């Protein structure tokens, strides 16, 4: 096992392009969540229909958010949620510095 991988963590998807990491602050209802992102924005996010059954989100879950092209600083889509082991890996590799106060 390579030394940079922890027990139980395979490949962790990192943000690409305009994607940002965020932490779920609360469930808003109607399938929407309030997420504080690493770029300093607080967005209302939803899980797109194709991923609704694959992504489970609770409060204080670290998620990968893709901002919308229109109203991108206010809204976005939750692309992936991370397990606790993956969250620890992201924290160890300094991806969660901006939201560390919420962890």
PDB file of N, CA and C in Angstrom:
ATOM      1  N   UNK A   1       0.852  -1.182   0.000  1.00  0.00           N
ATOM      2  CA  UNK A   1       0.000   0.000   0.000  1.00  0.00           C
ATOM      3  C   UNK A   1       0.892   1.236   0.000  1.00  0.00           C
ATOM      4  N   UNK A   2       0.646   2.171  -0.911  1.00  0.00           N
ATOM      5  CA  UNK A   2       1.445   3.398  -0.916  1.00  0.00           C
ATOM      6  C   UNK A   2       1.277   4.158   0.394  1.00  0.00           C
ATOM      7  N   UNK A   3       2.306   4.885   0.770  1.00  0.00           N
ATOM      8  CA  UNK A   3       2.279   5.560   2.064  1.00  0.00           C
ATOM      9  C   UNK A   3       1.297   6.725   2.124  1.00  0.00           C
ATOM     10  N   UNK A   4       0.852   7.268   0.966  1.00  0.00           N
ATOM     11  CA  UNK A   4      -0.077   8.399   1.001  1.00  0.00           C
ATOM     12  C   UNK A   4      -1.536   7.955   1.075  1.00  0.00           C
ATOM     13  N   UNK A   5      -1.809   6.652   1.024  1.00  0.00           N
ATOM     14  CA  UNK A   5      -3.181   6.168   1.149  1.00  0.00           C
ATOM     15  C   UNK A   5      -3.412   5.665   2.558  1.00  0.00           C
ATOM     16  N   UNK A   6      -4.606   5.953   3.099  1.00  0.00           N
ATOM     17  CA  UNK A   6      -4.951   5.465   4.423  1.00  0.00           C
ATOM     18  C   UNK A   6      -5.739   4.176   4.284  1.00  0.00           C
ATOM     19  N   UNK A   7      -5.921   3.486   5.383  1.00  0.00           N
ATOM     20  CA  UNK A   7      -6.724   2.272   5.412  1.00  0.00           C
ATOM     21  C   UNK A   7      -8.156   2.590   5.002  1.00  0.00           C
ATOM     22  N   UNK A   8      -8.704   1.877   4.029  1.00  0.00           N
ATOM     23  CA  UNK A   8     -10.092   2.063   3.637  1.00  0.00           C
ATOM     24  C   UNK A   8     -10.332   3.179   2.631  1.00  0.00           C
ATOM     25  N   UNK A   9      -9.285   3.841   2.181  1.00  0.00           N
ATOM     26  CA  UNK A   9      -9.454   4.919   1.214  1.00  0.00           C
ATOM     27  C   UNK A   9      -8.753   4.524  -0.075  1.00  0.00           C
ATOM     28  N   UNK A  10      -9.528   4.475  -1.152  1.00  0.00           N
ATOM     29  CA  UNK A  10      -8.952   4.198  -2.464  1.00  0.00           C
ATOM     30  C   UNK A  10      -8.628   5.517  -3.133  1.00  0.00           C
ATOM     31  N   UNK A  11      -9.171   5.703  -4.309  1.00  0.00           N
ATOM     32  CA  UNK A  11      -8.990   6.969  -5.014  1.00  0.00           C
ATOM     33  C   UNK A  11     -10.039   7.955  -4.522  1.00  0.00           C
ATOM     34  N   UNK A  12      -9.602   9.108  -4.096  1.00  0.00           N
ATOM     35  CA  UNK A  12     -10.518  10.158  -3.655  1.00  0.00           C
ATOM     36  C   UNK A  12     -10.636  11.175  -4.776  1.00  0.00           C
ATOM     37  N   UNK A  13     -11.874  11.445  -5.199  1.00  0.00           N
ATOM     38  CA  UNK A  13     -12.083  12.413  -6.275  1.00  0.00           C
ATOM     39  C   UNK A  13     -11.856  13.817  -5.747  1.00  0.00           C
ATOM     40  N   UNK A  14     -10.959  14.520  -6.391  1.00  0.00           N
ATOM     41  CA  UNK A  14     -10.650  15.901  -6.021  1.00  0.00           C
ATOM     42  C   UNK A  14     -11.386  16.841  -6.963  1.00  0.00           C
ATOM     43  N   UNK A  15     -11.592  18.101  -6.542  1.00  0.00           N
ATOM     44  CA  UNK A  15     -12.302  19.057  -7.406  1.00  0.00           C
ATOM     45  C   UNK A  15     -11.557  19.289  -8.719  1.00  0.00           C
ATOM     46  N   UNK A  16     -12.329  19.329  -9.805  1.00  0.00           N
ATOM     47  CA  UNK A  16     -11.763  19.607 -11.124  1.00  0.00           C
ATOM     48  C   UNK A  16     -12.504  20.775 -11.730  1.00  0.00           C
ATOM     49  N   UNK A  17     -11.824  21.618 -12.444  1.00  0.00           N
ATOM     50  CA  UNK A  17     -12.462  22.744 -13.121  1.00  0.00           C
ATOM     51  C   UNK A  17     -13.104  23.704 -12.132  1.00  0.00           C
ATOM     52  N   UNK A  18     -14.404  23.929 -12.276  1.00  0.00           N
ATOM     53  CA  UNK A  18     -15.116  24.870 -11.411  1.00  0.00           C
ATOM     54  C   UNK A  18     -15.675  24.221 -10.158  1.00  0.00           C
ATOM     55  N   UNK A  19     -15.490  22.922  -9.970  1.00  0.00           N
ATOM     56  CA  UNK A  19     -16.022  22.225  -8.800  1.00  0.00           C
ATOM     57  C   UNK A  19     -15.330  22.709  -7.532  1.00  0.00           C
ATOM     58  N   UNK A  20     -16.089  22.732  -6.437  1.00  0.00           N
ATOM     59  CA  UNK A  20     -15.555  23.123  -5.132  1.00  0.00           C
ATOM     60  C   UNK A  20     -16.027  22.127  -4.085  1.00  0.00           C
ATOM     61  N   UNK A  21     -15.288  22.037  -3.000  1.00  0.00           N
ATOM     62  CA  UNK A  21     -15.707  21.216  -1.873  1.00  0.00           C
ATOM     63  C   UNK A  21     -16.583  22.053  -0.962  1.00  0.00           C
ATOM     64  N   UNK A  22     -17.471  21.403  -0.237  1.00  0.00           N
ATOM     65  CA  UNK A  22     -18.334  22.110   0.688  1.00  0.00           C
ATOM     66  C   UNK A  22     -18.785  21.207   1.807  1.00  0.00           C
ATOM     67  N   UNK A  23     -19.426  21.795   2.814  1.00  0.00           N
ATOM     68  CA  UNK A  23     -19.963  21.031   3.928  1.00  0.00           C
ATOM     69  C   UNK A  23     -21.433  21.384   4.075  1.00  0.00           C
ATOM     70  N   UNK A  24     -22.260  20.362   4.262  1.00  0.00           N
ATOM     71  CA  UNK A  24     -23.704  20.566   4.366  1.00  0.00           C
ATOM     72  C   UNK A  24     -24.015  21.182   5.723  1.00  0.00           C
ATOM     73  N   UNK A  25     -24.619  22.380   5.700  1.00  0.00           N
ATOM     74  CA  UNK A  25     -24.998  23.053   6.935  1.00  0.00           C
ATOM     75  C   UNK A  25     -26.358  22.583   7.429  1.00  0.00           C
ATOM     76  N   UNK A  26     -27.321  22.475   6.511  1.00  0.00           N
ATOM     77  CA  UNK A  26     -28.653  21.984   6.894  1.00  0.00           C
ATOM     78  C   UNK A  26     -29.445  21.597   5.657  1.00  0.00           C
ATOM     79  N   UNK A  27     -30.472  20.786   5.904  1.00  0.00           N
ATOM     80  CA  UNK A  27     -31.385  20.385   4.845  1.00  0.00           C
ATOM     81  C   UNK A  27     -32.485  21.433   4.776  1.00  0.00           C
ATOM     82  N   UNK A  28     -32.733  21.955   3.578  1.00  0.00           N
ATOM     83  CA  UNK A  28     -33.711  23.024   3.394  1.00  0.00           C
ATOM     84  C   UNK A  28     -35.104  22.489   3.099  1.00  0.00           C
ATOM     85  N   UNK A  29     -35.224  21.247   2.678  1.00  0.00           N
ATOM     86  CA  UNK A  29     -36.510  20.696   2.280  1.00  0.00           C
ATOM     87  C   UNK A  29     -36.647  20.743   0.771  1.00  0.00           C
ATOM     88  N   UNK A  30     -37.510  19.914   0.235  1.00  0.00           N
ATOM     89  CA  UNK A  30     -37.686  19.875  -1.207  1.00  0.00           C
ATOM     90  C   UNK A  30     -36.472  19.335  -1.935  1.00  0.00           C
ATOM     91  N   UNK A  31     -35.657  18.525  -1.253  1.00  0.00           N
ATOM     92  CA  UNK A  31     -34.473  17.957  -1.888  1.00  0.00           C
ATOM     93  C   UNK A  31     -33.324  18.936  -2.036  1.00  0.00           C
ATOM     94  N   UNK A  32     -33.361  20.030  -1.287  1.00  0.00           N
ATOM     95  CA  UNK A  32     -32.303  21.047  -1.367  1.00  0.00           C
ATOM     96  C   UNK A  32     -31.537  21.112  -0.043  1.00  0.00           C
ATOM     97  N   UNK A  33     -30.284  21.512  -0.147  1.00  0.00           N
ATOM     98  CA  UNK A  33     -29.393  21.580   1.007  1.00  0.00           C
ATOM     99  C   UNK A  33     -28.651  22.905   0.989  1.00  0.00           C
ATOM    100  N   UNK A  34     -28.393  23.475   2.173  1.00  0.00           N
ATOM    101  CA  UNK A  34     -27.563  24.669   2.286  1.00  0.00           C
ATOM    102  C   UNK A  34     -26.137  24.189   2.532  1.00  0.00           C
ATOM    103  N   UNK A  35     -25.221  24.587   1.633  1.00  0.00           N
ATOM    104  CA  UNK A  35     -23.839  24.101   1.659  1.00  0.00           C
ATOM    105  C   UNK A  35     -22.895  25.290   1.718  1.00  0.00           C
ATOM    106  N   UNK A  36     -21.933  25.260   2.661  1.00  0.00           N
ATOM    107  CA  UNK A  36     -20.872  26.267   2.711  1.00  0.00           C
ATOM    108  C   UNK A  36     -19.672  25.710   1.955  1.00  0.00           C
ATOM    109  N   UNK A  37     -19.217  26.425   0.937  1.00  0.00           N
ATOM    110  CA  UNK A  37     -18.171  25.935   0.032  1.00  0.00           C
ATOM    111  C   UNK A  37     -16.805  26.530   0.342  1.00  0.00           C
ATOM    112  N   UNK A  38     -15.755  25.881  -0.173  1.00  0.00           N
ATOM    113  CA  UNK A  38     -14.385  26.308   0.093  1.00  0.00           C
ATOM    114  C   UNK A  38     -14.037  27.628  -0.580  1.00  0.00           C
ATOM    115  N   UNK A  39     -14.859  28.106  -1.522  1.00  0.00           N
ATOM    116  CA  UNK A  39     -14.588  29.402  -2.134  1.00  0.00           C
ATOM    117  C   UNK A  39     -15.252  30.544  -1.362  1.00  0.00           C
ATOM    118  N   UNK A  40     -15.808  30.256  -0.189  1.00  0.00           N
ATOM    119  CA  UNK A  40     -16.389  31.288   0.666  1.00  0.00           C
ATOM    120  C   UNK A  40     -17.859  31.563   0.405  1.00  0.00           C
ATOM    121  N   UNK A  41     -18.449  30.901  -0.581  1.00  0.00           N
ATOM    122  CA  UNK A  41     -19.856  31.114  -0.911  1.00  0.00           C
ATOM    123  C   UNK A  41     -20.728  30.112  -0.156  1.00  0.00           C
ATOM    124  N   UNK A  42     -21.952  30.537   0.162  1.00  0.00           N
ATOM    125  CA  UNK A  42     -22.951  29.643   0.729  1.00  0.00           C
ATOM    126  C   UNK A  42     -24.006  29.428  -0.341  1.00  0.00           C
ATOM    127  N   UNK A  43     -24.191  28.178  -0.752  1.00  0.00           N
ATOM    128  CA  UNK A  43     -25.077  27.878  -1.874  1.00  0.00           C
ATOM    129  C   UNK A  43     -26.247  26.995  -1.450  1.00  0.00           C
ATOM    130  N   UNK A  44     -27.353  27.131  -2.182  1.00  0.00           N
ATOM    131  CA  UNK A  44     -28.455  26.188  -2.094  1.00  0.00           C
ATOM    132  C   UNK A  44     -28.170  25.135  -3.157  1.00  0.00           C
ATOM    133  N   UNK A  45     -28.021  23.881  -2.744  1.00  0.00           N
ATOM    134  CA  UNK A  45     -27.635  22.832  -3.671  1.00  0.00           C
ATOM    135  C   UNK A  45     -28.680  21.737  -3.713  1.00  0.00           C
ATOM    136  N   UNK A  46     -28.740  21.057  -4.847  1.00  0.00           N
ATOM    137  CA  UNK A  46     -29.635  19.924  -5.021  1.00  0.00           C
ATOM    138  C   UNK A  46     -28.825  18.759  -5.539  1.00  0.00           C
ATOM    139  N   UNK A  47     -29.411  17.576  -5.428  1.00  0.00           N
ATOM    140  CA  UNK A  47     -28.795  16.392  -6.010  1.00  0.00           C
ATOM    141  C   UNK A  47     -29.501  16.152  -7.338  1.00  0.00           C
ATOM    142  N   UNK A  48     -28.778  16.186  -8.462  1.00  0.00           N
ATOM    143  CA  UNK A  48     -29.425  15.983  -9.761  1.00  0.00           C
ATOM    144  C   UNK A  48     -30.124  14.635  -9.827  1.00  0.00           C
ATOM    145  N   UNK A  49     -31.158  14.537 -10.660  1.00  0.00           N
ATOM    146  CA  UNK A  49     -31.978  13.340 -10.756  1.00  0.00           C
ATOM    147  C   UNK A  49     -31.210  12.061 -11.015  1.00  0.00           C
ATOM    148  N   UNK A  50     -30.188  12.118 -11.837  1.00  0.00           N
ATOM    149  CA  UNK A  50     -29.437  10.910 -12.170  1.00  0.00           C
ATOM    150  C   UNK A  50     -28.636  10.380 -10.987  1.00  0.00           C
ATOM    151  N   UNK A  51     -28.393  11.195  -9.982  1.00  0.00           N
ATOM    152  CA  UNK A  51     -27.562  10.791  -8.840  1.00  0.00           C
ATOM    153  C   UNK A  51     -28.346  10.668  -7.533  1.00  0.00           C
ATOM    154  N   UNK A  52     -29.666  10.926  -7.572  1.00  0.00           N
ATOM    155  CA  UNK A  52     -30.457  10.952  -6.344  1.00  0.00           C
ATOM    156  C   UNK A  52     -30.358   9.679  -5.529  1.00  0.00           C
ATOM    157  N   UNK A  53     -30.330   8.549  -6.191  1.00  0.00           N
ATOM    158  CA  UNK A  53     -30.266   7.276  -5.467  1.00  0.00           C
ATOM    159  C   UNK A  53     -28.834   6.897  -5.083  1.00  0.00           C
ATOM    160  N   UNK A  54     -27.851   7.504  -5.705  1.00  0.00           N
ATOM    161  CA  UNK A  54     -26.455   7.145  -5.464  1.00  0.00           C
ATOM    162  C   UNK A  54     -25.804   7.995  -4.378  1.00  0.00           C
ATOM    163  N   UNK A  55     -26.318   9.196  -4.130  1.00  0.00           N
ATOM    164  CA  UNK A  55     -25.686  10.122  -3.188  1.00  0.00           C
ATOM    165  C   UNK A  55     -26.580  10.295  -1.973  1.00  0.00           C
ATOM    166  N   UNK A  56     -26.043   9.969  -0.798  1.00  0.00           N
ATOM    167  CA  UNK A  56     -26.762  10.165   0.452  1.00  0.00           C
ATOM    168  C   UNK A  56     -26.062  11.276   1.221  1.00  0.00           C
ATOM    169  N   UNK A  57     -26.855  12.245   1.676  1.00  0.00           N
ATOM    170  CA  UNK A  57     -26.275  13.420   2.314  1.00  0.00           C
ATOM    171  C   UNK A  57     -26.960  13.661   3.655  1.00  0.00           C
ATOM    172  N   UNK A  58     -26.150  13.922   4.678  1.00  0.00           N
ATOM    173  CA  UNK A  58     -26.654  14.321   5.993  1.00  0.00           C
ATOM    174  C   UNK A  58     -25.965  15.622   6.380  1.00  0.00           C
ATOM    175  N   UNK A  59     -26.386  16.186   7.491  1.00  0.00           N
ATOM    176  CA  UNK A  59     -25.750  17.399   8.007  1.00  0.00           C
ATOM    177  C   UNK A  59     -24.282  17.101   8.325  1.00  0.00           C
ATOM    178  N   UNK A  60     -23.406  18.062   8.104  1.00  0.00           N
ATOM    179  CA  UNK A  60     -21.957  17.972   8.358  1.00  0.00           C
ATOM    180  C   UNK A  60     -21.240  16.986   7.435  1.00  0.00           C
ATOM    181  N   UNK A  61     -21.849  16.623   6.319  1.00  0.00           N
ATOM    182  CA  UNK A  61     -21.201  15.775   5.325  1.00  0.00           C
ATOM    183  C   UNK A  61     -20.399  16.654   4.368  1.00  0.00           C
ATOM    184  N   UNK A  62     -19.188  16.224   4.046  1.00  0.00           N
ATOM    185  CA  UNK A  62     -18.385  16.936   3.052  1.00  0.00           C
ATOM    186  C   UNK A  62     -18.825  16.456   1.669  1.00  0.00           C
ATOM    187  N   UNK A  63     -19.099  17.415   0.783  1.00  0.00           N
ATOM    188  CA  UNK A  63     -19.615  17.101  -0.549  1.00  0.00           C
ATOM    189  C   UNK A  63     -18.819  17.845  -1.612  1.00  0.00           C
ATOM    190  N   UNK A  64     -18.923  17.349  -2.839  1.00  0.00           N
ATOM    191  CA  UNK A  64     -18.328  18.007  -3.999  1.00  0.00           C
ATOM    192  C   UNK A  64     -19.454  18.721  -4.739  1.00  0.00           C
ATOM    193  N   UNK A  65     -19.302  20.030  -4.927  1.00  0.00           N
ATOM    194  CA  UNK A  65     -20.362  20.862  -5.505  1.00  0.00           C
ATOM    195  C   UNK A  65     -19.908  21.398  -6.856  1.00  0.00           C
ATOM    196  N   UNK A  66     -20.813  21.312  -7.824  1.00  0.00           N
ATOM    197  CA  UNK A  66     -20.580  21.927  -9.123  1.00  0.00           C
ATOM    198  C   UNK A  66     -21.509  23.129  -9.247  1.00  0.00           C
ATOM    199  N   UNK A  67     -20.965  24.368  -9.168  1.00  0.00           N
ATOM    200  CA  UNK A  67     -21.821  25.562  -9.274  1.00  0.00           C
ATOM    201  C   UNK A  67     -22.532  25.618 -10.625  1.00  0.00           C
ATOM    202  N   UNK A  68     -23.748  26.163 -10.614  1.00  0.00           N
ATOM    203  CA  UNK A  68     -24.493  26.319 -11.858  1.00  0.00           C
ATOM    204  C   UNK A  68     -23.830  27.370 -12.727  1.00  0.00           C
ATOM    205  N   UNK A  69     -24.070  27.292 -14.044  1.00  0.00           N
ATOM    206  CA  UNK A  69     -23.542  28.306 -14.962  1.00  0.00           C
ATOM    207  C   UNK A  69     -24.228  29.647 -14.725  1.00  0.00           C
ATOM    208  N   UNK A  70     -25.541  29.617 -14.421  1.00  0.00           N
ATOM    209  CA  UNK A  70     -26.298  30.823 -14.092  1.00  0.00           C
ATOM    210  C   UNK A  70     -26.537  30.794 -12.587  1.00  0.00           C
ATOM    211  N   UNK A  71     -26.340  31.884 -11.901  1.00  0.00           N
ATOM    212  CA  UNK A  71     -26.475  31.993 -10.445  1.00  0.00           C
ATOM    213  C   UNK A  71     -25.504  31.041  -9.738  1.00  0.00           C
ATOM    214  N   UNK A  72     -24.322  30.870 -10.272  1.00  0.00           N
ATOM    215  CA  UNK A  72     -23.344  29.937  -9.727  1.00  0.00           C
ATOM    216  C   UNK A  72     -22.851  30.286  -8.344  1.00  0.00           C
ATOM    217  N   UNK A  73     -22.941  31.564  -7.946  1.00  0.00           N
ATOM    218  CA  UNK A  73     -22.515  31.938  -6.599  1.00  0.00           C
ATOM    219  C   UNK A  73     -23.627  31.706  -5.577  1.00  0.00           C
ATOM    220  N   UNK A  74     -24.826  31.329  -6.033  1.00  0.00           N
ATOM    221  CA  UNK A  74     -25.940  31.080  -5.125  1.00  0.00           C
ATOM    222  C   UNK A  74     -26.424  29.639  -5.157  1.00  0.00           C
ATOM    223  N   UNK A  75     -26.257  28.948  -6.289  1.00  0.00           N
ATOM    224  CA  UNK A  75     -26.824  27.611  -6.458  1.00  0.00           C
ATOM    225  C   UNK A  75     -25.818  26.658  -7.071  1.00  0.00           C
ATOM    226  N   UNK A  76     -26.048  25.358  -6.821  1.00  0.00           N
ATOM    227  CA  UNK A  76     -25.164  24.356  -7.384  1.00  0.00           C
ATOM    228  C   UNK A  76     -25.752  22.963  -7.261  1.00  0.00           C
ATOM    229  N   UNK A  77     -25.040  21.998  -7.816  1.00  0.00           N
ATOM    230  CA  UNK A  77     -25.436  20.593  -7.757  1.00  0.00           C
ATOM    231  C   UNK A  77     -24.429  19.831  -6.907  1.00  0.00           C
ATOM    232  N   UNK A  78     -24.938  18.926  -6.060  1.00  0.00           N
ATOM    233  CA  UNK A  78     -24.066  18.047  -5.283  1.00  0.00           C
ATOM    234  C   UNK A  78     -23.708  16.867  -6.169  1.00  0.00           C
ATOM    235  N   UNK A  79     -22.429  16.749  -6.474  1.00  0.00           N
ATOM    236  CA  UNK A  79     -21.954  15.718  -7.396  1.00  0.00           C
ATOM    237  C   UNK A  79     -21.589  14.447  -6.640  1.00  0.00           C
ATOM    238  N   UNK A  80     -21.008  14.589  -5.443  1.00  0.00           N
ATOM    239  CA  UNK A  80     -20.537  13.432  -4.684  1.00  0.00           C
ATOM    240  C   UNK A  80     -20.497  13.779  -3.210  1.00  0.00           C
ATOM    241  N   UNK A  81     -20.749  12.777  -2.364  1.00  0.00           N
ATOM    242  CA  UNK A  81     -20.540  12.951  -0.928  1.00  0.00           C
ATOM    243  C   UNK A  81     -19.365  12.064  -0.529  1.00  0.00           C
ATOM    244  N   UNK A  82     -18.662  12.463   0.520  1.00  0.00           N
ATOM    245  CA  UNK A  82     -17.455  11.759   0.942  1.00  0.00           C
ATOM    246  C   UNK A  82     -17.693  11.044   2.266  1.00  0.00           C
ATOM    247  N   UNK A  83     -17.096   9.853   2.406  1.00  0.00           N
ATOM    248  CA  UNK A  83     -17.139   9.112   3.668  1.00  0.00           C
ATOM    249  C   UNK A  83     -16.205   9.791   4.667  1.00  0.00           C
ATOM    250  N   UNK A  84     -16.240   9.333   5.917  1.00  0.00           N
ATOM    251  CA  UNK A  84     -15.378   9.930   6.939  1.00  0.00           C
ATOM    252  C   UNK A  84     -13.904   9.705   6.612  1.00  0.00           C
ATOM    253  N   UNK A  85     -13.559   8.514   6.107  1.00  0.00           N
ATOM    254  CA  UNK A  85     -12.165   8.230   5.752  1.00  0.00           C
ATOM    255  C   UNK A  85     -11.699   9.140   4.608  1.00  0.00           C
ATOM    256  N   UNK A  86     -12.574   9.355   3.617  1.00  0.00           N
ATOM    257  CA  UNK A  86     -12.224  10.244   2.508  1.00  0.00           C
ATOM    258  C   UNK A  86     -12.111  11.688   2.986  1.00  0.00           C
ATOM    259  N   UNK A  87     -12.976  12.094   3.918  1.00  0.00           N
ATOM    260  CA  UNK A  87     -12.901  13.443   4.488  1.00  0.00           C
ATOM    261  C   UNK A  87     -11.579  13.642   5.217  1.00  0.00           C
ATOM    262  N   UNK A  88     -11.165  12.641   5.987  1.00  0.00           N
ATOM    263  CA  UNK A  88      -9.872  12.720   6.682  1.00  0.00           C
ATOM    264  C   UNK A  88      -8.726  12.845   5.693  1.00  0.00           C
ATOM    265  N   UNK A  89      -8.792  12.109   4.578  1.00  0.00           N
ATOM    266  CA  UNK A  89      -7.749  12.187   3.551  1.00  0.00           C
ATOM    267  C   UNK A  89      -7.702  13.590   2.956  1.00  0.00           C
ATOM    268  N   UNK A  90      -8.871  14.147   2.633  1.00  0.00           N
ATOM    269  CA  UNK A  90      -8.929  15.508   2.072  1.00  0.00           C
ATOM    270  C   UNK A  90      -8.366  16.529   3.053  1.00  0.00           C
ATOM    271  N   UNK A  91      -8.678  16.337   4.338  1.00  0.00           N
ATOM    272  CA  UNK A  91      -8.182  17.265   5.368  1.00  0.00           C
ATOM    273  C   UNK A  91      -6.665  17.165   5.505  1.00  0.00           C
ATOM    274  N   UNK A  92      -6.139  15.949   5.460  1.00  0.00           N
ATOM    275  CA  UNK A  92      -4.687  15.746   5.562  1.00  0.00           C
ATOM    276  C   UNK A  92      -3.937  16.350   4.377  1.00  0.00           C
ATOM    277  N   UNK A  93      -4.591  16.423   3.224  1.00  0.00           N
ATOM    278  CA  UNK A  93      -3.960  16.974   2.016  1.00  0.00           C
ATOM    279  C   UNK A  93      -4.371  18.426   1.772  1.00  0.00           C
ATOM    280  N   UNK A  94      -4.823  19.113   2.817  1.00  0.00           N
ATOM    281  CA  UNK A  94      -5.090  20.563   2.816  1.00  0.00           C
ATOM    282  C   UNK A  94      -6.130  21.012   1.792  1.00  0.00           C
ATOM    283  N   UNK A  95      -7.138  20.184   1.516  1.00  0.00           N
ATOM    284  CA  UNK A  95      -8.217  20.588   0.621  1.00  0.00           C
ATOM    285  C   UNK A  95      -9.355  21.265   1.390  1.00  0.00           C
ATOM    286  N   UNK A  96      -9.385  21.082   2.718  1.00  0.00           N
ATOM    287  CA  UNK A  96     -10.519  21.574   3.506  1.00  0.00           C
ATOM    288  C   UNK A  96     -10.143  22.711   4.451  1.00  0.00           C
ATOM    289  N   UNK A  97      -9.056  23.410   4.166  1.00  0.00           N
ATOM    290  CA  UNK A  97      -8.613  24.488   5.057  1.00  0.00           C
ATOM    291  C   UNK A  97      -9.671  25.570   5.230  1.00  0.00           C
ATOM    292  N   UNK A  98     -10.374  25.929   4.155  1.00  0.00           N
ATOM    293  CA  UNK A  98     -11.329  27.034   4.203  1.00  0.00           C
ATOM    294  C   UNK A  98     -12.576  26.684   5.013  1.00  0.00           C
ATOM    295  N   UNK A  99     -12.902  25.404   5.147  1.00  0.00           N
ATOM    296  CA  UNK A  99     -14.111  25.024   5.885  1.00  0.00           C
ATOM    297  C   UNK A  99     -13.783  24.241   7.154  1.00  0.00           C
ATOM    298  N   UNK A 100     -12.532  24.300   7.621  1.00  0.00           N
ATOM    299  CA  UNK A 100     -12.115  23.509   8.779  1.00  0.00           C
ATOM    300  C   UNK A 100     -12.875  23.893  10.046  1.00  0.00           C
ATOM    301  N   UNK A 101     -13.385  25.126  10.125  1.00  0.00           N
ATOM    302  CA  UNK A 101     -14.132  25.543  11.326  1.00  0.00           C
ATOM    303  C   UNK A 101     -15.456  24.792  11.446  1.00  0.00           C
ATOM    304  N   UNK A 102     -15.964  24.234  10.352  1.00  0.00           N
ATOM    305  CA  UNK A 102     -17.231  23.513  10.385  1.00  0.00           C
ATOM    306  C   UNK A 102     -17.061  22.023  10.637  1.00  0.00           C
ATOM    307  N   UNK A 103     -15.822  21.515  10.539  1.00  0.00           N
ATOM    308  CA  UNK A 103     -15.591  20.070  10.706  1.00  0.00           C
ATOM    309  C   UNK A 103     -15.569  19.670  12.152  1.00  0.00           C
TER     310      UNK A 103
END
